[in-house]
Amino acid sequence: MTLNYTPKTIGKQTADLKVGDVVLESWQHPARIVRLQYGSGRIHVYCRYIWQASREPWWKLGDYHPTARLEVAKKGEY
């Protein structure tokens, strides 16, 4: 299996993210969202790198305001 480390991306508001979206944690580090937690006016985003197995632990990408924009892989990239 070939992994795409540099997918084409679009900016997306954090409030519009969903589980399964692939975001760029940093250059050549795409991560799939596995959990979104809402509270106190913030959205907590939890991910796994695309090369991690489902049995490996997920990690917290960060806490974001709902209007913050993240780079998300375009449809069809994964």
PDB file of N, CA and C in Angstrom:
ATOM      1  N   MET A   1       0.834  -1.168   0.000  1.00  0.00           N
ATOM      2  CA  MET A   1       0.000   0.000   0.000  1.00  0.00           C
ATOM      3  C   MET A   1       0.888   1.244   0.000  1.00  0.00           C
ATOM      4  N   THR A   2       0.594   2.174  -0.877  1.00  0.00           N
ATOM      5  CA  THR A   2       1.332   3.423  -0.953  1.00  0.00           C
ATOM      6  C   THR A   2       0.600   4.492  -0.157  1.00  0.00           C
ATOM      7  N   LEU A   3       1.322   5.183   0.689  1.00  0.00           N
ATOM      8  CA  LEU A   3       0.733   6.250   1.496  1.00  0.00           C
ATOM      9  C   LEU A   3       1.010   7.598   0.851  1.00  0.00           C
ATOM     10  N   ASN A   4       0.020   8.454   0.848  1.00  0.00           N
ATOM     11  CA  ASN A   4       0.157   9.802   0.305  1.00  0.00           C
ATOM     12  C   ASN A   4       0.457  10.747   1.469  1.00  0.00           C
ATOM     13  N   TYR A   5       1.710  11.190   1.561  1.00  0.00           N
ATOM     14  CA  TYR A   5       2.103  12.065   2.660  1.00  0.00           C
ATOM     15  C   TYR A   5       1.845  13.541   2.381  1.00  0.00           C
ATOM     16  N   THR A   6       1.540  13.877   1.144  1.00  0.00           N
ATOM     17  CA  THR A   6       1.302  15.278   0.775  1.00  0.00           C
ATOM     18  C   THR A   6       0.001  15.400  -0.019  1.00  0.00           C
ATOM     19  N   PRO A   7      -1.130  15.184   0.640  1.00  0.00           N
ATOM     20  CA  PRO A   7      -2.414  15.271  -0.069  1.00  0.00           C
ATOM     21  C   PRO A   7      -2.765  16.714  -0.418  1.00  0.00           C
ATOM     22  N   LYS A   8      -3.587  16.869  -1.437  1.00  0.00           N
ATOM     23  CA  LYS A   8      -4.139  18.186  -1.744  1.00  0.00           C
ATOM     24  C   LYS A   8      -5.113  18.518  -0.628  1.00  0.00           C
ATOM     25  N   THR A   9      -5.101  19.766  -0.175  1.00  0.00           N
ATOM     26  CA  THR A   9      -5.917  20.135   0.980  1.00  0.00           C
ATOM     27  C   THR A   9      -6.805  21.342   0.702  1.00  0.00           C
ATOM     28  N   ILE A  10      -7.780  21.492   1.573  1.00  0.00           N
ATOM     29  CA  ILE A  10      -8.635  22.679   1.588  1.00  0.00           C
ATOM     30  C   ILE A  10      -8.767  23.113   3.046  1.00  0.00           C
ATOM     31  N   GLY A  11      -9.023  24.379   3.263  1.00  0.00           N
ATOM     32  CA  GLY A  11      -9.266  24.865   4.617  1.00  0.00           C
ATOM     33  C   GLY A  11     -10.695  24.549   5.022  1.00  0.00           C
ATOM     34  N   LYS A  12     -10.878  24.100   6.243  1.00  0.00           N
ATOM     35  CA  LYS A  12     -12.209  23.745   6.729  1.00  0.00           C
ATOM     36  C   LYS A  12     -12.337  24.217   8.173  1.00  0.00           C
ATOM     37  N   GLN A  13     -13.479  24.802   8.511  1.00  0.00           N
ATOM     38  CA  GLN A  13     -13.692  25.221   9.891  1.00  0.00           C
ATOM     39  C   GLN A  13     -13.772  24.003  10.801  1.00  0.00           C
ATOM     40  N   THR A  14     -13.253  24.157  11.991  1.00  0.00           N
ATOM     41  CA  THR A  14     -13.264  23.056  12.957  1.00  0.00           C
ATOM     42  C   THR A  14     -14.679  22.556  13.228  1.00  0.00           C
ATOM     43  N   ALA A  15     -15.652  23.449  13.244  1.00  0.00           N
ATOM     44  CA  ALA A  15     -17.046  23.055  13.497  1.00  0.00           C
ATOM     45  C   ALA A  15     -17.582  22.128  12.409  1.00  0.00           C
ATOM     46  N   ASP A  16     -16.980  22.145  11.212  1.00  0.00           N
ATOM     47  CA  ASP A  16     -17.437  21.316  10.100  1.00  0.00           C
ATOM     48  C   ASP A  16     -16.679  19.997   9.978  1.00  0.00           C
ATOM     49  N   LEU A  17     -15.707  19.750  10.847  1.00  0.00           N
ATOM     50  CA  LEU A  17     -14.946  18.502  10.794  1.00  0.00           C
ATOM     51  C   LEU A  17     -15.819  17.335  11.219  1.00  0.00           C
ATOM     52  N   LYS A  18     -15.450  16.139  10.737  1.00  0.00           N
ATOM     53  CA  LYS A  18     -16.151  14.932  11.164  1.00  0.00           C
ATOM     54  C   LYS A  18     -15.140  13.805  11.322  1.00  0.00           C
ATOM     55  N   VAL A  19     -15.511  12.810  12.089  1.00  0.00           N
ATOM     56  CA  VAL A  19     -14.654  11.644  12.273  1.00  0.00           C
ATOM     57  C   VAL A  19     -14.405  11.018  10.906  1.00  0.00           C
ATOM     58  N   GLY A  20     -13.148  10.703  10.627  1.00  0.00           N
ATOM     59  CA  GLY A  20     -12.768  10.137   9.340  1.00  0.00           C
ATOM     60  C   GLY A  20     -12.066  11.131   8.435  1.00  0.00           C
ATOM     61  N   ASP A  21     -12.240  12.434   8.687  1.00  0.00           N
ATOM     62  CA  ASP A  21     -11.511  13.441   7.910  1.00  0.00           C
ATOM     63  C   ASP A  21     -10.019  13.284   8.171  1.00  0.00           C
ATOM     64  N   VAL A  22      -9.212  13.613   7.160  1.00  0.00           N
ATOM     65  CA  VAL A  22      -7.758  13.578   7.302  1.00  0.00           C
ATOM     66  C   VAL A  22      -7.251  15.013   7.335  1.00  0.00           C
ATOM     67  N   VAL A  23      -6.573  15.370   8.418  1.00  0.00           N
ATOM     68  CA  VAL A  23      -6.014  16.711   8.586  1.00  0.00           C
ATOM     69  C   VAL A  23      -4.490  16.613   8.534  1.00  0.00           C
ATOM     70  N   LEU A  24      -3.843  17.734   8.266  1.00  0.00           N
ATOM     71  CA  LEU A  24      -2.384  17.754   8.290  1.00  0.00           C
ATOM     72  C   LEU A  24      -1.919  18.264   9.645  1.00  0.00           C
ATOM     73  N   GLU A  25      -1.291  17.375  10.412  1.00  0.00           N
ATOM     74  CA  GLU A  25      -0.746  17.756  11.714  1.00  0.00           C
ATOM     75  C   GLU A  25       0.449  18.671  11.488  1.00  0.00           C
ATOM     76  N   SER A  26       1.264  18.360  10.499  1.00  0.00           N
ATOM     77  CA  SER A  26       2.374  19.190  10.048  1.00  0.00           C
ATOM     78  C   SER A  26       2.747  18.696   8.652  1.00  0.00           C
ATOM     79  N   TRP A  27       3.751  19.287   8.054  1.00  0.00           N
ATOM     80  CA  TRP A  27       4.136  18.907   6.694  1.00  0.00           C
ATOM     81  C   TRP A  27       4.458  17.415   6.649  1.00  0.00           C
ATOM     82  N   GLN A  28       3.844  16.705   5.740  1.00  0.00           N
ATOM     83  CA  GLN A  28       3.999  15.265   5.527  1.00  0.00           C
ATOM     84  C   GLN A  28       3.597  14.419   6.735  1.00  0.00           C
ATOM     85  N   HIS A  29       2.661  14.912   7.534  1.00  0.00           N
ATOM     86  CA  HIS A  29       2.146  14.148   8.671  1.00  0.00           C
ATOM     87  C   HIS A  29       0.618  14.181   8.676  1.00  0.00           C
ATOM     88  N   PRO A  30      -0.016  13.513   7.694  1.00  0.00           N
ATOM     89  CA  PRO A  30      -1.481  13.465   7.682  1.00  0.00           C
ATOM     90  C   PRO A  30      -1.998  12.555   8.798  1.00  0.00           C
ATOM     91  N   ALA A  31      -3.084  12.996   9.412  1.00  0.00           N
ATOM     92  CA  ALA A  31      -3.668  12.246  10.528  1.00  0.00           C
ATOM     93  C   ALA A  31      -5.179  12.162  10.351  1.00  0.00           C
ATOM     94  N   ARG A  32      -5.736  10.983  10.612  1.00  0.00           N
ATOM     95  CA  ARG A  32      -7.177  10.772  10.498  1.00  0.00           C
ATOM     96  C   ARG A  32      -7.843  11.077  11.840  1.00  0.00           C
ATOM     97  N   ILE A  33      -8.914  11.850  11.792  1.00  0.00           N
ATOM     98  CA  ILE A  33      -9.656  12.182  13.008  1.00  0.00           C
ATOM     99  C   ILE A  33     -10.420  10.944  13.473  1.00  0.00           C
ATOM    100  N   VAL A  34     -10.217  10.576  14.750  1.00  0.00           N
ATOM    101  CA  VAL A  34     -10.900   9.405  15.310  1.00  0.00           C
ATOM    102  C   VAL A  34     -11.914   9.787  16.384  1.00  0.00           C
ATOM    103  N   ARG A  35     -11.820  11.030  16.874  1.00  0.00           N
ATOM    104  CA  ARG A  35     -12.751  11.466  17.920  1.00  0.00           C
ATOM    105  C   ARG A  35     -12.819  12.984  17.934  1.00  0.00           C
ATOM    106  N   LEU A  36     -14.022  13.499  18.113  1.00  0.00           N
ATOM    107  CA  LEU A  36     -14.252  14.931  18.305  1.00  0.00           C
ATOM    108  C   LEU A  36     -15.041  15.097  19.593  1.00  0.00           C
ATOM    109  N   GLN A  37     -14.583  15.959  20.458  1.00  0.00           N
ATOM    110  CA  GLN A  37     -15.260  16.192  21.733  1.00  0.00           C
ATOM    111  C   GLN A  37     -15.583  17.684  21.822  1.00  0.00           C
ATOM    112  N   TYR A  38     -16.832  17.981  22.122  1.00  0.00           N
ATOM    113  CA  TYR A  38     -17.301  19.365  22.166  1.00  0.00           C
ATOM    114  C   TYR A  38     -17.537  19.784  23.605  1.00  0.00           C
ATOM    115  N   GLY A  39     -17.088  20.993  23.946  1.00  0.00           N
ATOM    116  CA  GLY A  39     -17.337  21.493  25.291  1.00  0.00           C
ATOM    117  C   GLY A  39     -16.683  22.834  25.535  1.00  0.00           C
ATOM    118  N   SER A  40     -17.325  23.651  26.348  1.00  0.00           N
ATOM    119  CA  SER A  40     -16.796  24.949  26.767  1.00  0.00           C
ATOM    120  C   SER A  40     -16.391  25.842  25.597  1.00  0.00           C
ATOM    121  N   GLY A  41     -17.146  25.791  24.520  1.00  0.00           N
ATOM    122  CA  GLY A  41     -16.858  26.643  23.376  1.00  0.00           C
ATOM    123  C   GLY A  41     -15.633  26.233  22.586  1.00  0.00           C
ATOM    124  N   ARG A  42     -15.121  25.038  22.824  1.00  0.00           N
ATOM    125  CA  ARG A  42     -13.936  24.527  22.128  1.00  0.00           C
ATOM    126  C   ARG A  42     -14.259  23.152  21.554  1.00  0.00           C
ATOM    127  N   ILE A  43     -13.484  22.766  20.557  1.00  0.00           N
ATOM    128  CA  ILE A  43     -13.601  21.425  19.982  1.00  0.00           C
ATOM    129  C   ILE A  43     -12.252  20.745  20.167  1.00  0.00           C
ATOM    130  N   HIS A  44     -12.259  19.591  20.822  1.00  0.00           N
ATOM    131  CA  HIS A  44     -11.049  18.818  21.070  1.00  0.00           C
ATOM    132  C   HIS A  44     -10.957  17.766  19.959  1.00  0.00           C
ATOM    133  N   VAL A  45      -9.836  17.758  19.248  1.00  0.00           N
ATOM    134  CA  VAL A  45      -9.653  16.884  18.092  1.00  0.00           C
ATOM    135  C   VAL A  45      -8.611  15.819  18.436  1.00  0.00           C
ATOM    136  N   TYR A  46      -8.990  14.541  18.252  1.00  0.00           N
ATOM    137  CA  TYR A  46      -8.109  13.412  18.521  1.00  0.00           C
ATOM    138  C   TYR A  46      -7.873  12.648  17.221  1.00  0.00           C
ATOM    139  N   CYS A  47      -6.623  12.217  16.998  1.00  0.00           N
ATOM    140  CA  CYS A  47      -6.246  11.622  15.706  1.00  0.00           C
ATOM    141  C   CYS A  47      -5.321  10.423  15.866  1.00  0.00           C
ATOM    142  N   ARG A  48      -5.110   9.761  14.731  1.00  0.00           N
ATOM    143  CA  ARG A  48      -4.046   8.775  14.530  1.00  0.00           C
ATOM    144  C   ARG A  48      -3.415   9.105  13.189  1.00  0.00           C
ATOM    145  N   TYR A  49      -2.102   8.958  13.092  1.00  0.00           N
ATOM    146  CA  TYR A  49      -1.452   9.125  11.791  1.00  0.00           C
ATOM    147  C   TYR A  49      -1.996   8.064  10.842  1.00  0.00           C
ATOM    148  N   ILE A  50      -1.965   8.354   9.552  1.00  0.00           N
ATOM    149  CA  ILE A  50      -2.548   7.418   8.590  1.00  0.00           C
ATOM    150  C   ILE A  50      -1.815   6.085   8.555  1.00  0.00           C
ATOM    151  N   TRP A  51      -0.587   6.042   9.031  1.00  0.00           N
ATOM    152  CA  TRP A  51       0.167   4.788   9.018  1.00  0.00           C
ATOM    153  C   TRP A  51      -0.003   3.992  10.316  1.00  0.00           C
ATOM    154  N   GLN A  52      -0.703   4.544  11.307  1.00  0.00           N
ATOM    155  CA  GLN A  52      -0.913   3.830  12.565  1.00  0.00           C
ATOM    156  C   GLN A  52      -2.035   2.799  12.430  1.00  0.00           C
ATOM    157  N   ALA A  53      -1.876   1.703  13.145  1.00  0.00           N
ATOM    158  CA  ALA A  53      -2.915   0.673  13.174  1.00  0.00           C
ATOM    159  C   ALA A  53      -4.040   1.104  14.116  1.00  0.00           C
ATOM    160  N   SER A  54      -5.217   0.546  13.904  1.00  0.00           N
ATOM    161  CA  SER A  54      -6.381   0.925  14.715  1.00  0.00           C
ATOM    162  C   SER A  54      -6.225   0.528  16.185  1.00  0.00           C
ATOM    163  N   ARG A  55      -5.358  -0.405  16.492  1.00  0.00           N
ATOM    164  CA  ARG A  55      -5.146  -0.817  17.883  1.00  0.00           C
ATOM    165  C   ARG A  55      -4.173   0.116  18.614  1.00  0.00           C
ATOM    166  N   GLU A  56      -3.482   0.983  17.872  1.00  0.00           N
ATOM    167  CA  GLU A  56      -2.559   1.931  18.499  1.00  0.00           C
ATOM    168  C   GLU A  56      -3.339   3.092  19.108  1.00  0.00           C
ATOM    169  N   PRO A  57      -2.822   3.666  20.175  1.00  0.00           N
ATOM    170  CA  PRO A  57      -3.567   4.738  20.844  1.00  0.00           C
ATOM    171  C   PRO A  57      -3.665   6.004  19.996  1.00  0.00           C
ATOM    172  N   TRP A  58      -4.808   6.691  20.132  1.00  0.00           N
ATOM    173  CA  TRP A  58      -4.953   7.969  19.454  1.00  0.00           C
ATOM    174  C   TRP A  58      -4.358   9.039  20.343  1.00  0.00           C
ATOM    175  N   TRP A  59      -4.143  10.211  19.791  1.00  0.00           N
ATOM    176  CA  TRP A  59      -3.525  11.311  20.522  1.00  0.00           C
ATOM    177  C   TRP A  59      -4.285  12.598  20.223  1.00  0.00           C
ATOM    178  N   LYS A  60      -4.110  13.575  21.087  1.00  0.00           N
ATOM    179  CA  LYS A  60      -4.840  14.838  20.964  1.00  0.00           C
ATOM    180  C   LYS A  60      -4.089  15.781  20.021  1.00  0.00           C
ATOM    181  N   LEU A  61      -4.760  16.155  18.940  1.00  0.00           N
ATOM    182  CA  LEU A  61      -4.193  17.124  18.007  1.00  0.00           C
ATOM    183  C   LEU A  61      -4.245  18.516  18.619  1.00  0.00           C
ATOM    184  N   GLY A  62      -5.361  18.841  19.274  1.00  0.00           N
ATOM    185  CA  GLY A  62      -5.466  20.145  19.914  1.00  0.00           C
ATOM    186  C   GLY A  62      -6.888  20.526  20.257  1.00  0.00           C
ATOM    187  N   ASP A  63      -7.008  21.701  20.872  1.00  0.00           N
ATOM    188  CA  ASP A  63      -8.299  22.302  21.215  1.00  0.00           C
ATOM    189  C   ASP A  63      -8.469  23.514  20.315  1.00  0.00           C
ATOM    190  N   TYR A  64      -9.603  23.619  19.650  1.00  0.00           N
ATOM    191  CA  TYR A  64      -9.806  24.684  18.674  1.00  0.00           C
ATOM    192  C   TYR A  64     -11.138  25.385  18.885  1.00  0.00           C
ATOM    193  N   HIS A  65     -11.146  26.660  18.565  1.00  0.00           N
ATOM    194  CA  HIS A  65     -12.395  27.418  18.511  1.00  0.00           C
ATOM    195  C   HIS A  65     -13.160  26.895  17.301  1.00  0.00           C
ATOM    196  N   PRO A  66     -14.483  26.835  17.335  1.00  0.00           N
ATOM    197  CA  PRO A  66     -15.260  26.294  16.210  1.00  0.00           C
ATOM    198  C   PRO A  66     -15.022  26.990  14.866  1.00  0.00           C
ATOM    199  N   THR A  67     -14.562  28.251  14.880  1.00  0.00           N
ATOM    200  CA  THR A  67     -14.321  28.948  13.611  1.00  0.00           C
ATOM    201  C   THR A  67     -12.880  28.827  13.126  1.00  0.00           C
ATOM    202  N   ALA A  68     -12.011  28.165  13.910  1.00  0.00           N
ATOM    203  CA  ALA A  68     -10.621  27.967  13.487  1.00  0.00           C
ATOM    204  C   ALA A  68     -10.601  27.092  12.236  1.00  0.00           C
ATOM    205  N   ARG A  69      -9.646  27.348  11.350  1.00  0.00           N
ATOM    206  CA  ARG A  69      -9.557  26.581  10.110  1.00  0.00           C
ATOM    207  C   ARG A  69      -8.362  25.628  10.171  1.00  0.00           C
ATOM    208  N   LEU A  70      -8.598  24.393   9.747  1.00  0.00           N
ATOM    209  CA  LEU A  70      -7.545  23.389   9.641  1.00  0.00           C
ATOM    210  C   LEU A  70      -7.449  22.940   8.189  1.00  0.00           C
ATOM    211  N   GLU A  71      -6.265  22.501   7.785  1.00  0.00           N
ATOM    212  CA  GLU A  71      -6.072  21.965   6.442  1.00  0.00           C
ATOM    213  C   GLU A  71      -6.545  20.513   6.426  1.00  0.00           C
ATOM    214  N   VAL A  72      -7.519  20.232   5.574  1.00  0.00           N
ATOM    215  CA  VAL A  72      -8.126  18.903   5.472  1.00  0.00           C
ATOM    216  C   VAL A  72      -7.890  18.369   4.066  1.00  0.00           C
ATOM    217  N   ALA A  73      -7.574  17.077   3.958  1.00  0.00           N
ATOM    218  CA  ALA A  73      -7.364  16.463   2.648  1.00  0.00           C
ATOM    219  C   ALA A  73      -8.641  16.551   1.818  1.00  0.00           C
ATOM    220  N   LYS A  74      -8.473  16.866   0.539  1.00  0.00           N
ATOM    221  CA  LYS A  74      -9.624  16.945  -0.360  1.00  0.00           C
ATOM    222  C   LYS A  74     -10.237  15.566  -0.555  1.00  0.00           C
ATOM    223  N   LYS A  75     -11.494  15.559  -0.915  1.00  0.00           N
ATOM    224  CA  LYS A  75     -12.210  14.309  -1.164  1.00  0.00           C
ATOM    225  C   LYS A  75     -11.486  13.528  -2.259  1.00  0.00           C
ATOM    226  N   GLY A  76     -11.313  12.236  -2.046  1.00  0.00           N
ATOM    227  CA  GLY A  76     -10.657  11.379  -3.023  1.00  0.00           C
ATOM    228  C   GLY A  76      -9.160  11.205  -2.795  1.00  0.00           C
ATOM    229  N   GLU A  77      -8.579  11.947  -1.865  1.00  0.00           N
ATOM    230  CA  GLU A  77      -7.143  11.815  -1.585  1.00  0.00           C
ATOM    231  C   GLU A  77      -6.858  10.555  -0.759  1.00  0.00           C
ATOM    232  N   TYR A  78      -7.858  10.099   0.021  1.00  0.00           N
ATOM    233  CA  TYR A  78      -7.705   8.886   0.847  1.00  0.00           C
ATOM    234  C   TYR A  78      -8.917   8.018   0.714  1.00  0.00           C
TER     235      TYR A  78
END
